[in-house]
Amino acid sequence: MEVTDEYMQVFTHLLEEYGARRNGHPPDEVIAEARLPLLKYFEDGTPIGVRMFEGYDLPDTPILVKYGQRQFMEPMFEHGELRLANAGLYNDAGFLDAVRDDETSRTFFIPTFRERLAGETHLEIAGHRQPFDDDDIVLPLVFEDYFLFSLCEHVHYRMPTDFRADTAIVIRDPELFKQRLISAFLAKYPDWKSMAGSVIYYDPYRDYTKFQIPEMAKHFGYAYQKEVRIVFRAPRKLLAPLEPVNLTIGSMKDYADLVASSR
């Protein structure tokens, strides 16, 4: 995944904007909200992500990492048993904040603050009159449900805390894993299209043309996760809701390591 300074640019603009206002700094409630992940990370002393990888020698070659609970990670590591969820499942309000997301739509916004300050009530977009009230214009991109398997491109100590994970599988041969997962799925659903790669993170106010495949894009609020995903798109319009499928890709012992927290 290419590293750029795009987020630092946005953060700099944000600080400049706060600096131009009366108090010269973000409101206390904004600072308090921003500190919550840090407080959660250290609430039990040494973070579980640090404890998990104590004594583990990370490979110096490309890897993928799957975080989860031991009851699910062990069968995946030992026998290659895994559950492939449909993207619509992640809309469930019961999921953790780091997991929950609307994975079947991508939303963009057109800012209208200048027009509102000028007393205007609409924008002309491609020859069409687009009215707005007291907010920005929302442009939702909605698409069909699909199957999704998520991993991280490296070890990130925050992930076990966010996902309430106590175990990780470090995949030392990412291409072999992708091939096995894709082959196992296509053996059941040969007409489906598979895609795999790093997620593209976009700013909904700026990046209107940053991605072409919505299944491989996410809001930049999730960029810290540095996700790699494998997705499967239906060959035609879905006639019934998707449900998770169980796959077996064979033991991963030859090309992966199981890393678990001892406490």
Protein backbone atom coordinates (compact mmCIF):
# COMPACT_ATOMS: atom_id res chain seq x y z
CA MET A 1 0.00 0.00 0.00
CA GLU A 2 1.51 3.33 -1.07
CA VAL A 3 2.11 5.77 1.77
CA THR A 4 1.35 9.42 1.02
CA ASP A 5 1.05 12.62 3.04
CA GLU A 6 -2.61 13.20 2.10
CA TYR A 7 -3.88 12.79 5.66
CA MET A 8 -1.19 15.08 7.05
CA GLN A 9 -2.34 17.71 4.55
CA VAL A 10 -5.92 17.40 5.78
CA PHE A 11 -4.81 17.48 9.43
CA THR A 12 -2.71 20.59 8.77
CA HIS A 13 -5.68 22.34 7.16
CA LEU A 14 -7.81 21.35 10.14
CA LEU A 15 -5.33 22.81 12.62
CA GLU A 16 -5.10 26.00 10.56
CA GLU A 17 -8.88 26.31 10.61
CA TYR A 18 -9.04 25.82 14.37
CA GLY A 19 -6.17 28.31 14.80
CA ALA A 20 -8.15 30.96 12.93
CA ARG A 21 -11.07 30.66 15.32
CA ARG A 22 -11.58 32.35 18.67
CA ASN A 23 -10.06 29.78 21.03
CA GLY A 24 -7.38 28.63 18.62
CA HIS A 25 -7.78 24.91 19.37
CA PRO A 26 -10.35 22.12 18.98
CA PRO A 27 -13.29 22.06 21.42
CA ASP A 28 -12.80 19.99 24.57
CA GLU A 29 -15.41 17.44 23.49
CA VAL A 30 -13.55 16.85 20.20
CA ILE A 31 -10.29 16.23 22.07
CA ALA A 32 -12.05 13.92 24.53
CA GLU A 33 -13.58 11.90 21.69
CA ALA A 34 -10.22 11.62 19.93
CA ARG A 35 -8.58 10.27 23.11
CA LEU A 36 -11.05 7.40 23.56
CA PRO A 37 -9.19 4.85 21.35
CA LEU A 38 -5.94 5.62 23.18
CA LEU A 39 -7.55 5.19 26.60
CA LYS A 40 -9.15 1.94 25.48
CA TYR A 41 -5.81 0.69 24.15
CA PHE A 42 -4.11 1.04 27.55
CA GLU A 43 -7.06 0.35 29.86
CA ASP A 44 -5.68 -3.08 30.89
CA GLY A 45 -2.05 -2.03 31.12
CA THR A 46 0.16 -3.47 28.39
CA PRO A 47 -2.11 -3.72 25.31
CA ILE A 48 -3.12 -7.23 24.29
CA GLY A 49 -1.66 -6.67 20.82
CA VAL A 50 1.77 -6.10 22.37
CA ARG A 51 1.43 -9.14 24.62
CA MET A 52 0.32 -11.35 21.73
CA PHE A 53 3.44 -10.72 19.68
CA GLU A 54 6.00 -10.76 22.51
CA GLY A 55 8.79 -13.12 21.47
CA TYR A 56 7.45 -13.59 17.94
CA ASP A 57 9.95 -12.88 15.16
CA LEU A 58 8.12 -11.14 12.36
CA PRO A 59 9.05 -12.27 8.84
CA ASP A 60 10.91 -9.68 6.79
CA THR A 61 8.91 -10.63 3.70
CA PRO A 62 5.33 -9.51 2.86
CA ILE A 63 2.68 -10.97 5.16
CA LEU A 64 -1.04 -10.84 5.83
CA VAL A 65 -2.56 -11.00 9.31
CA LYS A 66 -5.98 -12.23 10.34
CA TYR A 67 -7.13 -11.23 13.83
CA GLY A 68 -9.88 -13.01 15.74
CA GLN A 69 -10.85 -15.13 18.69
CA ARG A 70 -8.98 -18.36 19.33
CA GLN A 71 -12.09 -20.54 18.96
CA PHE A 72 -12.27 -19.46 15.30
CA MET A 73 -8.59 -18.93 14.51
CA GLU A 74 -7.42 -22.39 15.58
CA PRO A 75 -9.75 -24.32 13.19
CA MET A 76 -8.76 -21.94 10.41
CA PHE A 77 -5.06 -22.50 11.07
CA GLU A 78 -5.25 -26.24 11.70
CA HIS A 79 -7.73 -27.26 9.00
CA GLY A 80 -8.39 -24.20 6.86
CA GLU A 81 -11.97 -23.88 8.07
CA LEU A 82 -13.23 -20.35 7.64
CA ARG A 83 -16.46 -18.41 7.36
CA LEU A 84 -16.89 -16.03 4.45
CA ALA A 85 -19.41 -13.34 5.35
CA ASN A 86 -21.52 -11.31 3.00
CA ALA A 87 -20.76 -7.60 3.14
CA GLY A 88 -24.29 -6.67 4.17
CA LEU A 89 -23.73 -8.50 7.45
CA TYR A 90 -21.33 -5.76 8.60
CA ASN A 91 -24.23 -3.30 8.87
CA ASP A 92 -25.28 -5.08 12.07
CA ALA A 93 -25.53 -2.53 14.89
CA GLY A 94 -24.29 -5.19 17.31
CA PHE A 95 -20.79 -5.16 15.84
CA LEU A 96 -17.88 -3.25 17.35
CA ASP A 97 -17.21 0.22 15.91
CA ALA A 98 -14.01 -1.00 14.22
CA VAL A 99 -15.95 -3.78 12.47
CA ARG A 100 -19.34 -2.23 11.79
CA ASP A 101 -19.64 -0.38 8.49
CA ASP A 102 -22.05 0.01 5.61
CA GLU A 103 -20.17 -2.18 3.15
CA THR A 104 -22.79 -1.97 0.37
CA SER A 105 -22.72 1.78 -0.15
CA ARG A 106 -20.16 4.54 -0.45
CA THR A 107 -21.24 8.09 0.34
CA PHE A 108 -19.86 11.34 -1.05
CA PHE A 109 -20.63 14.92 -0.06
CA ILE A 110 -20.60 18.18 -1.98
CA PRO A 111 -19.96 21.08 0.44
CA THR A 112 -22.43 23.96 0.25
CA PHE A 113 -21.23 26.26 3.04
CA ARG A 114 -20.13 28.98 0.61
CA GLU A 115 -23.50 28.96 -1.13
CA ARG A 116 -25.37 28.98 2.18
CA LEU A 117 -23.31 31.91 3.45
CA ALA A 118 -24.24 33.74 0.25
CA GLY A 119 -27.93 33.03 0.82
CA GLU A 120 -28.24 30.59 -2.09
CA THR A 121 -30.50 27.53 -1.96
CA HIS A 122 -29.26 25.34 -4.82
CA LEU A 123 -26.29 24.27 -6.93
CA GLU A 124 -26.08 23.69 -10.67
CA ILE A 125 -24.55 20.24 -11.20
CA ALA A 126 -24.06 19.04 -14.79
CA GLY A 127 -26.94 21.22 -15.92
CA HIS A 128 -29.27 20.05 -13.17
CA ARG A 129 -30.61 22.22 -10.38
CA GLN A 130 -29.78 20.56 -7.05
CA PRO A 131 -31.50 22.19 -4.05
CA PHE A 132 -30.16 21.91 -0.51
CA ASP A 133 -31.50 22.94 2.88
CA ASP A 134 -29.08 23.67 5.71
CA ASP A 135 -26.57 20.93 4.97
CA ASP A 136 -24.24 19.59 2.30
CA ILE A 137 -25.43 17.59 -0.68
CA VAL A 138 -25.28 13.82 -0.12
CA LEU A 139 -24.37 11.55 -3.03
CA PRO A 140 -24.86 7.88 -2.08
CA LEU A 141 -23.40 5.12 -4.24
CA VAL A 142 -25.34 1.93 -3.50
CA PHE A 143 -24.37 -1.46 -4.94
CA GLU A 144 -25.19 -5.15 -4.64
CA ASP A 145 -24.19 -7.30 -1.69
CA TYR A 146 -21.05 -9.43 -2.11
CA PHE A 147 -18.79 -11.76 -0.14
CA LEU A 148 -15.87 -10.32 1.77
CA PHE A 149 -12.82 -11.61 3.66
CA SER A 150 -10.70 -9.01 5.46
CA LEU A 151 -7.10 -9.10 6.65
CA CYS A 152 -4.38 -6.60 7.56
CA GLU A 153 -1.24 -6.06 5.55
CA HIS A 154 0.99 -6.16 8.63
CA VAL A 155 1.00 -6.53 12.41
CA HIS A 156 -0.77 -3.57 14.02
CA TYR A 157 -0.94 -3.71 17.81
CA ARG A 158 -4.18 -1.72 17.92
CA MET A 159 -6.17 -4.31 15.98
CA PRO A 160 -6.62 -6.92 18.75
CA THR A 161 -8.00 -4.21 21.03
CA ASP A 162 -10.40 -2.87 18.39
CA PHE A 163 -11.56 -6.34 17.30
CA ARG A 164 -11.52 -7.90 20.79
CA ALA A 165 -9.17 -10.51 19.37
CA ASP A 166 -6.88 -12.75 21.39
CA THR A 167 -5.29 -14.60 18.47
CA ALA A 168 -3.78 -13.84 15.08
CA ILE A 169 -2.74 -15.87 12.07
CA VAL A 170 0.37 -14.47 10.41
CA ILE A 171 0.32 -15.60 6.78
CA ARG A 172 3.86 -15.85 5.41
CA ASP A 173 2.76 -16.63 1.85
CA PRO A 174 -0.06 -14.18 1.03
CA GLU A 175 -0.37 -15.25 -2.60
CA LEU A 176 -0.78 -18.92 -1.71
CA PHE A 177 -3.49 -18.06 0.81
CA LYS A 178 -5.35 -15.89 -1.70
CA GLN A 179 -5.15 -18.64 -4.33
CA ARG A 180 -6.51 -21.27 -1.96
CA LEU A 181 -9.37 -19.10 -0.73
CA ILE A 182 -10.36 -17.97 -4.22
CA SER A 183 -10.14 -21.51 -5.60
CA ALA A 184 -12.28 -22.92 -2.78
CA PHE A 185 -14.96 -20.28 -3.36
CA LEU A 186 -14.97 -20.58 -7.16
CA ALA A 187 -15.29 -24.35 -6.87
CA LYS A 188 -18.73 -23.66 -5.35
CA TYR A 189 -19.63 -20.54 -7.32
CA PRO A 190 -17.69 -20.65 -10.61
CA ASP A 191 -19.50 -17.71 -12.22
CA TRP A 192 -18.59 -15.18 -9.54
CA LYS A 193 -15.85 -12.58 -10.04
CA SER A 194 -13.00 -12.51 -7.52
CA MET A 195 -10.91 -9.47 -6.58
CA ALA A 196 -8.09 -9.10 -4.07
CA GLY A 197 -5.84 -6.29 -2.96
CA SER A 198 -5.28 -3.37 -0.62
CA VAL A 199 -8.26 -1.24 0.27
CA ILE A 200 -8.36 2.28 -1.17
CA TYR A 201 -9.30 4.80 1.52
CA TYR A 202 -11.13 7.90 0.35
CA ASP A 203 -12.20 11.27 1.72
CA PRO A 204 -15.92 11.65 0.88
CA TYR A 205 -15.48 15.41 0.44
CA ARG A 206 -12.46 15.30 -1.87
CA ASP A 207 -11.86 11.96 -3.54
CA TYR A 208 -14.73 11.74 -6.03
CA THR A 209 -12.67 9.79 -8.57
CA LYS A 210 -10.14 7.99 -6.37
CA PHE A 211 -11.55 4.49 -6.89
CA GLN A 212 -13.43 2.56 -9.56
CA ILE A 213 -14.31 -0.61 -7.64
CA PRO A 214 -16.53 0.31 -4.67
CA GLU A 215 -16.09 -3.09 -3.01
CA MET A 216 -12.38 -2.30 -2.67
CA ALA A 217 -12.82 1.16 -1.11
CA LYS A 218 -13.61 2.47 2.38
CA HIS A 219 -14.01 5.76 4.22
CA PHE A 220 -10.62 7.13 5.27
CA GLY A 221 -11.67 6.95 8.91
CA TYR A 222 -10.70 3.26 8.69
CA ALA A 223 -7.32 3.92 7.03
CA TYR A 224 -5.36 3.01 10.18
CA GLN A 225 -6.45 -0.61 9.66
CA LYS A 226 -4.48 -0.93 6.40
CA GLU A 227 -6.86 -3.60 5.21
CA VAL A 228 -6.33 -6.14 2.47
CA ARG A 229 -9.50 -7.81 1.29
CA ILE A 230 -10.66 -10.62 -0.93
CA VAL A 231 -14.10 -10.06 -2.41
CA PHE A 232 -16.46 -11.98 -4.64
CA ARG A 233 -19.04 -10.22 -6.80
CA ALA A 234 -22.13 -11.95 -8.19
CA PRO A 235 -22.26 -12.38 -11.98
CA ARG A 236 -25.79 -10.96 -12.16
CA LYS A 237 -28.40 -9.21 -10.04
CA LEU A 238 -29.10 -11.05 -6.80
CA LEU A 239 -32.52 -12.69 -6.55
CA ALA A 240 -32.22 -13.58 -2.86
CA PRO A 241 -30.28 -12.20 0.13
CA LEU A 242 -26.77 -13.52 0.60
CA GLU A 243 -25.82 -15.52 3.67
CA PRO A 244 -22.35 -16.43 5.01
CA VAL A 245 -20.71 -19.52 3.52
CA ASN A 246 -18.27 -21.95 5.11
CA LEU A 247 -15.15 -22.91 3.18
CA THR A 248 -12.24 -25.28 3.75
CA ILE A 249 -8.89 -24.36 2.21
CA GLY A 250 -6.67 -26.97 3.88
CA SER A 251 -4.20 -26.65 6.72
CA MET A 252 -2.23 -23.40 6.88
CA LYS A 253 0.62 -24.77 9.00
CA ASP A 254 3.11 -24.82 6.13
CA TYR A 255 2.80 -21.12 5.32
CA ALA A 256 1.39 -19.40 8.43
CA ASP A 257 1.91 -19.01 12.18
CA LEU A 258 -0.68 -19.00 14.95
CA VAL A 259 0.06 -16.27 17.50
CA ALA A 260 -2.04 -16.07 20.66
CA SER A 261 -2.12 -14.11 23.89
CA SER A 262 -1.02 -16.14 26.91
CA ARG A 263 -2.95 -13.93 29.35
